[in-house]
Amino acid sequence: MQNAVIIVILIVILIPAVKSTITHLKGEGACCGGPKETPVKKKIAGKPLKTLLVHIEGMQCDNCKNRIERHLDDIDGVVAKVKLSRKTAKVMLYKETDEDLIKETIEKLDFTVTGIEVLS
Protein backbone atom coordinates (compact mmCIF):
# COMPACT_ATOMS: atom_id res chain seq x y z
CA MET A 1 0.00 0.00 0.00
CA GLN A 2 2.78 2.44 0.91
CA ASN A 3 4.62 1.65 -2.32
CA ALA A 4 1.50 2.49 -4.34
CA VAL A 5 1.16 5.85 -2.61
CA ILE A 6 4.82 6.65 -3.27
CA ILE A 7 4.44 5.68 -6.94
CA VAL A 8 1.36 7.89 -7.35
CA ILE A 9 3.16 10.84 -5.74
CA LEU A 10 6.18 10.37 -8.01
CA ILE A 11 3.96 10.22 -11.09
CA VAL A 12 2.14 13.40 -10.07
CA ILE A 13 5.48 15.17 -9.63
CA LEU A 14 7.24 13.74 -12.68
CA ILE A 15 4.57 14.29 -15.38
CA PRO A 16 4.72 18.13 -15.26
CA ALA A 17 8.51 18.01 -14.97
CA VAL A 18 8.85 15.79 -18.04
CA LYS A 19 6.40 17.96 -20.05
CA SER A 20 8.35 21.09 -19.11
CA THR A 21 11.65 19.47 -20.02
CA ILE A 22 10.39 18.35 -23.43
CA THR A 23 9.04 21.84 -24.15
CA HIS A 24 12.33 23.38 -23.07
CA LEU A 25 14.48 21.02 -25.14
CA LYS A 26 12.37 21.76 -28.21
CA GLY A 27 13.15 25.48 -27.66
CA GLU A 28 9.49 26.32 -27.17
CA GLY A 29 9.51 27.39 -23.56
CA ALA A 30 10.87 30.34 -21.67
CA CYS A 31 13.49 28.56 -19.58
CA CYS A 32 14.41 31.67 -17.66
CA GLY A 33 11.04 31.84 -15.95
CA GLY A 34 10.07 35.00 -17.81
CA PRO A 35 8.14 35.72 -20.96
CA LYS A 36 9.46 34.40 -24.24
CA GLU A 37 11.94 36.93 -25.60
CA THR A 38 11.90 37.96 -29.23
CA PRO A 39 15.12 38.54 -31.18
CA VAL A 40 16.35 42.11 -31.58
CA LYS A 41 17.93 43.49 -34.76
CA LYS A 42 19.60 46.73 -33.60
CA LYS A 43 22.02 48.35 -36.02
CA ILE A 44 24.12 51.49 -35.76
CA ALA A 45 25.79 53.04 -38.81
CA GLY A 46 29.53 53.53 -38.83
CA LYS A 47 32.50 51.69 -37.44
CA PRO A 48 32.50 50.64 -33.77
CA LEU A 49 35.05 52.24 -31.44
CA LYS A 50 35.72 48.88 -29.82
CA THR A 51 34.56 45.28 -30.17
CA LEU A 52 34.44 42.90 -27.20
CA LEU A 53 34.07 39.14 -27.00
CA VAL A 54 32.25 38.33 -23.78
CA HIS A 55 32.30 34.74 -22.49
CA ILE A 56 29.04 33.81 -20.77
CA GLU A 57 28.02 30.77 -18.74
CA GLY A 58 24.45 29.73 -17.97
CA MET A 59 22.75 30.21 -21.35
CA GLN A 60 20.50 27.30 -22.22
CA CYS A 61 18.30 28.29 -25.16
CA ASP A 62 17.36 30.96 -27.70
CA ASN A 63 15.33 32.72 -25.03
CA CYS A 64 18.51 33.21 -22.96
CA LYS A 65 20.35 34.47 -26.06
CA ASN A 66 17.56 36.90 -26.92
CA ARG A 67 17.37 38.23 -23.34
CA ILE A 68 21.07 39.04 -23.27
CA GLU A 69 20.99 40.66 -26.72
CA ARG A 70 17.94 42.76 -25.84
CA HIS A 71 19.37 44.02 -22.56
CA LEU A 72 22.77 44.83 -24.04
CA ASP A 73 21.14 46.55 -27.03
CA ASP A 74 19.19 48.74 -24.57
CA ILE A 75 22.52 50.37 -23.64
CA ASP A 76 23.10 53.50 -25.73
CA GLY A 77 25.75 52.91 -28.38
CA VAL A 78 25.91 49.12 -27.91
CA VAL A 79 25.03 46.37 -30.40
CA ALA A 80 25.32 42.72 -29.31
CA LYS A 81 25.24 39.41 -31.17
CA VAL A 82 25.14 36.32 -28.94
CA LYS A 83 26.35 32.90 -30.12
CA LEU A 84 24.61 30.35 -27.93
CA SER A 85 26.73 27.44 -29.20
CA ARG A 86 29.97 29.23 -28.35
CA LYS A 87 28.68 30.78 -25.12
CA THR A 88 29.86 34.20 -26.25
CA ALA A 89 28.54 37.63 -27.11
CA LYS A 90 30.21 39.87 -29.66
CA VAL A 91 29.58 43.37 -28.35
CA MET A 92 30.23 46.37 -30.60
CA LEU A 93 30.67 49.67 -28.77
CA TYR A 94 29.85 52.77 -30.84
CA LYS A 95 30.23 55.07 -27.82
CA GLU A 96 32.62 54.97 -24.89
CA THR A 97 31.09 52.32 -22.64
CA ASP A 98 32.56 50.85 -19.49
CA GLU A 99 33.17 47.09 -19.72
CA ASP A 100 31.85 46.76 -16.16
CA LEU A 101 28.44 48.00 -17.41
CA ILE A 102 28.39 45.19 -19.99
CA LYS A 103 29.30 42.62 -17.31
CA GLU A 104 26.76 43.97 -14.80
CA THR A 105 23.98 44.00 -17.40
CA ILE A 106 24.56 40.32 -18.20
CA GLU A 107 25.00 39.23 -14.59
CA LYS A 108 21.78 41.01 -13.51
CA LEU A 109 20.05 38.49 -15.80
CA ASP A 110 21.52 35.64 -13.70
CA PHE A 111 24.23 34.63 -16.18
CA THR A 112 27.95 34.53 -15.37
CA VAL A 113 30.56 36.49 -17.32
CA THR A 114 33.74 34.40 -17.27
CA GLY A 115 35.86 36.75 -19.35
CA ILE A 116 35.96 39.75 -21.66
CA GLU A 117 38.41 40.03 -24.55
CA VAL A 118 39.01 43.18 -26.58
CA LEU A 119 38.93 42.21 -30.27
CA SER A 120 39.53 45.68 -31.69
C-alpha atoms as a PDB file:
ATOM      1  CA  MET A   1       0.000   0.000   0.000  1.00  0.00           C
ATOM      2  CA  GLN A   2       2.784   2.439   0.907  1.00  0.00           C
ATOM      3  CA  ASN A   3       4.616   1.646  -2.318  1.00  0.00           C
ATOM      4  CA  ALA A   4       1.496   2.486  -4.343  1.00  0.00           C
ATOM      5  CA  VAL A   5       1.160   5.853  -2.611  1.00  0.00           C
ATOM      6  CA  ILE A   6       4.817   6.651  -3.270  1.00  0.00           C
ATOM      7  CA  ILE A   7       4.445   5.683  -6.940  1.00  0.00           C
ATOM      8  CA  VAL A   8       1.360   7.889  -7.350  1.00  0.00           C
ATOM      9  CA  ILE A   9       3.156  10.844  -5.738  1.00  0.00           C
ATOM     10  CA  LEU A  10       6.185  10.368  -8.005  1.00  0.00           C
ATOM     11  CA  ILE A  11       3.961  10.218 -11.088  1.00  0.00           C
ATOM     12  CA  VAL A  12       2.139  13.398 -10.068  1.00  0.00           C
ATOM     13  CA  ILE A  13       5.477  15.169  -9.634  1.00  0.00           C
ATOM     14  CA  LEU A  14       7.238  13.741 -12.684  1.00  0.00           C
ATOM     15  CA  ILE A  15       4.574  14.292 -15.376  1.00  0.00           C
ATOM     16  CA  PRO A  16       4.717  18.133 -15.258  1.00  0.00           C
ATOM     17  CA  ALA A  17       8.509  18.014 -14.971  1.00  0.00           C
ATOM     18  CA  VAL A  18       8.847  15.792 -18.042  1.00  0.00           C
ATOM     19  CA  LYS A  19       6.400  17.957 -20.049  1.00  0.00           C
ATOM     20  CA  SER A  20       8.349  21.087 -19.109  1.00  0.00           C
ATOM     21  CA  THR A  21      11.651  19.467 -20.023  1.00  0.00           C
ATOM     22  CA  ILE A  22      10.389  18.349 -23.428  1.00  0.00           C
ATOM     23  CA  THR A  23       9.043  21.843 -24.153  1.00  0.00           C
ATOM     24  CA  HIS A  24      12.332  23.383 -23.074  1.00  0.00           C
ATOM     25  CA  LEU A  25      14.479  21.021 -25.141  1.00  0.00           C
ATOM     26  CA  LYS A  26      12.371  21.762 -28.213  1.00  0.00           C
ATOM     27  CA  GLY A  27      13.148  25.477 -27.662  1.00  0.00           C
ATOM     28  CA  GLU A  28       9.488  26.321 -27.174  1.00  0.00           C
ATOM     29  CA  GLY A  29       9.515  27.391 -23.555  1.00  0.00           C
ATOM     30  CA  ALA A  30      10.871  30.340 -21.670  1.00  0.00           C
ATOM     31  CA  CYS A  31      13.486  28.556 -19.585  1.00  0.00           C
ATOM     32  CA  CYS A  32      14.406  31.670 -17.657  1.00  0.00           C
ATOM     33  CA  GLY A  33      11.043  31.844 -15.954  1.00  0.00           C
ATOM     34  CA  GLY A  34      10.073  34.996 -17.806  1.00  0.00           C
ATOM     35  CA  PRO A  35       8.140  35.720 -20.962  1.00  0.00           C
ATOM     36  CA  LYS A  36       9.458  34.399 -24.244  1.00  0.00           C
ATOM     37  CA  GLU A  37      11.943  36.935 -25.598  1.00  0.00           C
ATOM     38  CA  THR A  38      11.900  37.958 -29.233  1.00  0.00           C
ATOM     39  CA  PRO A  39      15.117  38.543 -31.177  1.00  0.00           C
ATOM     40  CA  VAL A  40      16.353  42.107 -31.583  1.00  0.00           C
ATOM     41  CA  LYS A  41      17.930  43.492 -34.763  1.00  0.00           C
ATOM     42  CA  LYS A  42      19.602  46.726 -33.601  1.00  0.00           C
ATOM     43  CA  LYS A  43      22.021  48.351 -36.021  1.00  0.00           C
ATOM     44  CA  ILE A  44      24.122  51.489 -35.760  1.00  0.00           C
ATOM     45  CA  ALA A  45      25.790  53.039 -38.809  1.00  0.00           C
ATOM     46  CA  GLY A  46      29.528  53.526 -38.831  1.00  0.00           C
ATOM     47  CA  LYS A  47      32.499  51.688 -37.441  1.00  0.00           C
ATOM     48  CA  PRO A  48      32.501  50.638 -33.766  1.00  0.00           C
ATOM     49  CA  LEU A  49      35.049  52.243 -31.443  1.00  0.00           C
ATOM     50  CA  LYS A  50      35.720  48.884 -29.815  1.00  0.00           C
ATOM     51  CA  THR A  51      34.558  45.277 -30.173  1.00  0.00           C
ATOM     52  CA  LEU A  52      34.440  42.902 -27.203  1.00  0.00           C
ATOM     53  CA  LEU A  53      34.073  39.144 -26.999  1.00  0.00           C
ATOM     54  CA  VAL A  54      32.246  38.335 -23.776  1.00  0.00           C
ATOM     55  CA  HIS A  55      32.305  34.736 -22.486  1.00  0.00           C
ATOM     56  CA  ILE A  56      29.035  33.815 -20.767  1.00  0.00           C
ATOM     57  CA  GLU A  57      28.021  30.765 -18.739  1.00  0.00           C
ATOM     58  CA  GLY A  58      24.451  29.734 -17.973  1.00  0.00           C
ATOM     59  CA  MET A  59      22.752  30.212 -21.346  1.00  0.00           C
ATOM     60  CA  GLN A  60      20.499  27.296 -22.217  1.00  0.00           C
ATOM     61  CA  CYS A  61      18.299  28.293 -25.164  1.00  0.00           C
ATOM     62  CA  ASP A  62      17.364  30.959 -27.698  1.00  0.00           C
ATOM     63  CA  ASN A  63      15.331  32.721 -25.025  1.00  0.00           C
ATOM     64  CA  CYS A  64      18.514  33.209 -22.963  1.00  0.00           C
ATOM     65  CA  LYS A  65      20.350  34.472 -26.063  1.00  0.00           C
ATOM     66  CA  ASN A  66      17.564  36.900 -26.923  1.00  0.00           C
ATOM     67  CA  ARG A  67      17.372  38.227 -23.336  1.00  0.00           C
ATOM     68  CA  ILE A  68      21.071  39.040 -23.274  1.00  0.00           C
ATOM     69  CA  GLU A  69      20.995  40.659 -26.724  1.00  0.00           C
ATOM     70  CA  ARG A  70      17.944  42.760 -25.844  1.00  0.00           C
ATOM     71  CA  HIS A  71      19.366  44.021 -22.557  1.00  0.00           C
ATOM     72  CA  LEU A  72      22.767  44.830 -24.042  1.00  0.00           C
ATOM     73  CA  ASP A  73      21.144  46.554 -27.025  1.00  0.00           C
ATOM     74  CA  ASP A  74      19.193  48.738 -24.574  1.00  0.00           C
ATOM     75  CA  ILE A  75      22.515  50.369 -23.641  1.00  0.00           C
ATOM     76  CA  ASP A  76      23.096  53.505 -25.728  1.00  0.00           C
ATOM     77  CA  GLY A  77      25.752  52.907 -28.383  1.00  0.00           C
ATOM     78  CA  VAL A  78      25.914  49.119 -27.915  1.00  0.00           C
ATOM     79  CA  VAL A  79      25.026  46.373 -30.402  1.00  0.00           C
ATOM     80  CA  ALA A  80      25.325  42.722 -29.310  1.00  0.00           C
ATOM     81  CA  LYS A  81      25.241  39.412 -31.169  1.00  0.00           C
ATOM     82  CA  VAL A  82      25.140  36.319 -28.942  1.00  0.00           C
ATOM     83  CA  LYS A  83      26.354  32.899 -30.121  1.00  0.00           C
ATOM     84  CA  LEU A  84      24.613  30.348 -27.929  1.00  0.00           C
ATOM     85  CA  SER A  85      26.732  27.439 -29.204  1.00  0.00           C
ATOM     86  CA  ARG A  86      29.975  29.232 -28.352  1.00  0.00           C
ATOM     87  CA  LYS A  87      28.678  30.782 -25.123  1.00  0.00           C
ATOM     88  CA  THR A  88      29.863  34.204 -26.252  1.00  0.00           C
ATOM     89  CA  ALA A  89      28.543  37.630 -27.110  1.00  0.00           C
ATOM     90  CA  LYS A  90      30.214  39.869 -29.664  1.00  0.00           C
ATOM     91  CA  VAL A  91      29.582  43.370 -28.353  1.00  0.00           C
ATOM     92  CA  MET A  92      30.231  46.374 -30.599  1.00  0.00           C
ATOM     93  CA  LEU A  93      30.671  49.674 -28.775  1.00  0.00           C
ATOM     94  CA  TYR A  94      29.854  52.766 -30.841  1.00  0.00           C
ATOM     95  CA  LYS A  95      30.232  55.075 -27.819  1.00  0.00           C
ATOM     96  CA  GLU A  96      32.624  54.974 -24.886  1.00  0.00           C
ATOM     97  CA  THR A  97      31.092  52.320 -22.644  1.00  0.00           C
ATOM     98  CA  ASP A  98      32.559  50.849 -19.489  1.00  0.00           C
ATOM     99  CA  GLU A  99      33.175  47.090 -19.721  1.00  0.00           C
ATOM    100  CA  ASP A 100      31.847  46.762 -16.163  1.00  0.00           C
ATOM    101  CA  LEU A 101      28.440  47.996 -17.407  1.00  0.00           C
ATOM    102  CA  ILE A 102      28.389  45.191 -19.986  1.00  0.00           C
ATOM    103  CA  LYS A 103      29.302  42.624 -17.309  1.00  0.00           C
ATOM    104  CA  GLU A 104      26.760  43.972 -14.795  1.00  0.00           C
ATOM    105  CA  THR A 105      23.983  43.996 -17.397  1.00  0.00           C
ATOM    106  CA  ILE A 106      24.560  40.317 -18.199  1.00  0.00           C
ATOM    107  CA  GLU A 107      24.998  39.234 -14.587  1.00  0.00           C
ATOM    108  CA  LYS A 108      21.776  41.012 -13.512  1.00  0.00           C
ATOM    109  CA  LEU A 109      20.048  38.490 -15.796  1.00  0.00           C
ATOM    110  CA  ASP A 110      21.524  35.636 -13.699  1.00  0.00           C
ATOM    111  CA  PHE A 111      24.234  34.632 -16.175  1.00  0.00           C
ATOM    112  CA  THR A 112      27.954  34.535 -15.374  1.00  0.00           C
ATOM    113  CA  VAL A 113      30.555  36.488 -17.321  1.00  0.00           C
ATOM    114  CA  THR A 114      33.736  34.397 -17.275  1.00  0.00           C
ATOM    115  CA  GLY A 115      35.862  36.751 -19.347  1.00  0.00           C
ATOM    116  CA  ILE A 116      35.959  39.748 -21.656  1.00  0.00           C
ATOM    117  CA  GLU A 117      38.410  40.025 -24.550  1.00  0.00           C
ATOM    118  CA  VAL A 118      39.009  43.180 -26.578  1.00  0.00           C
ATOM    119  CA  LEU A 119      38.929  42.212 -30.271  1.00  0.00           C
ATOM    120  CA  SER A 120      39.526  45.676 -31.689  1.00  0.00           C
END
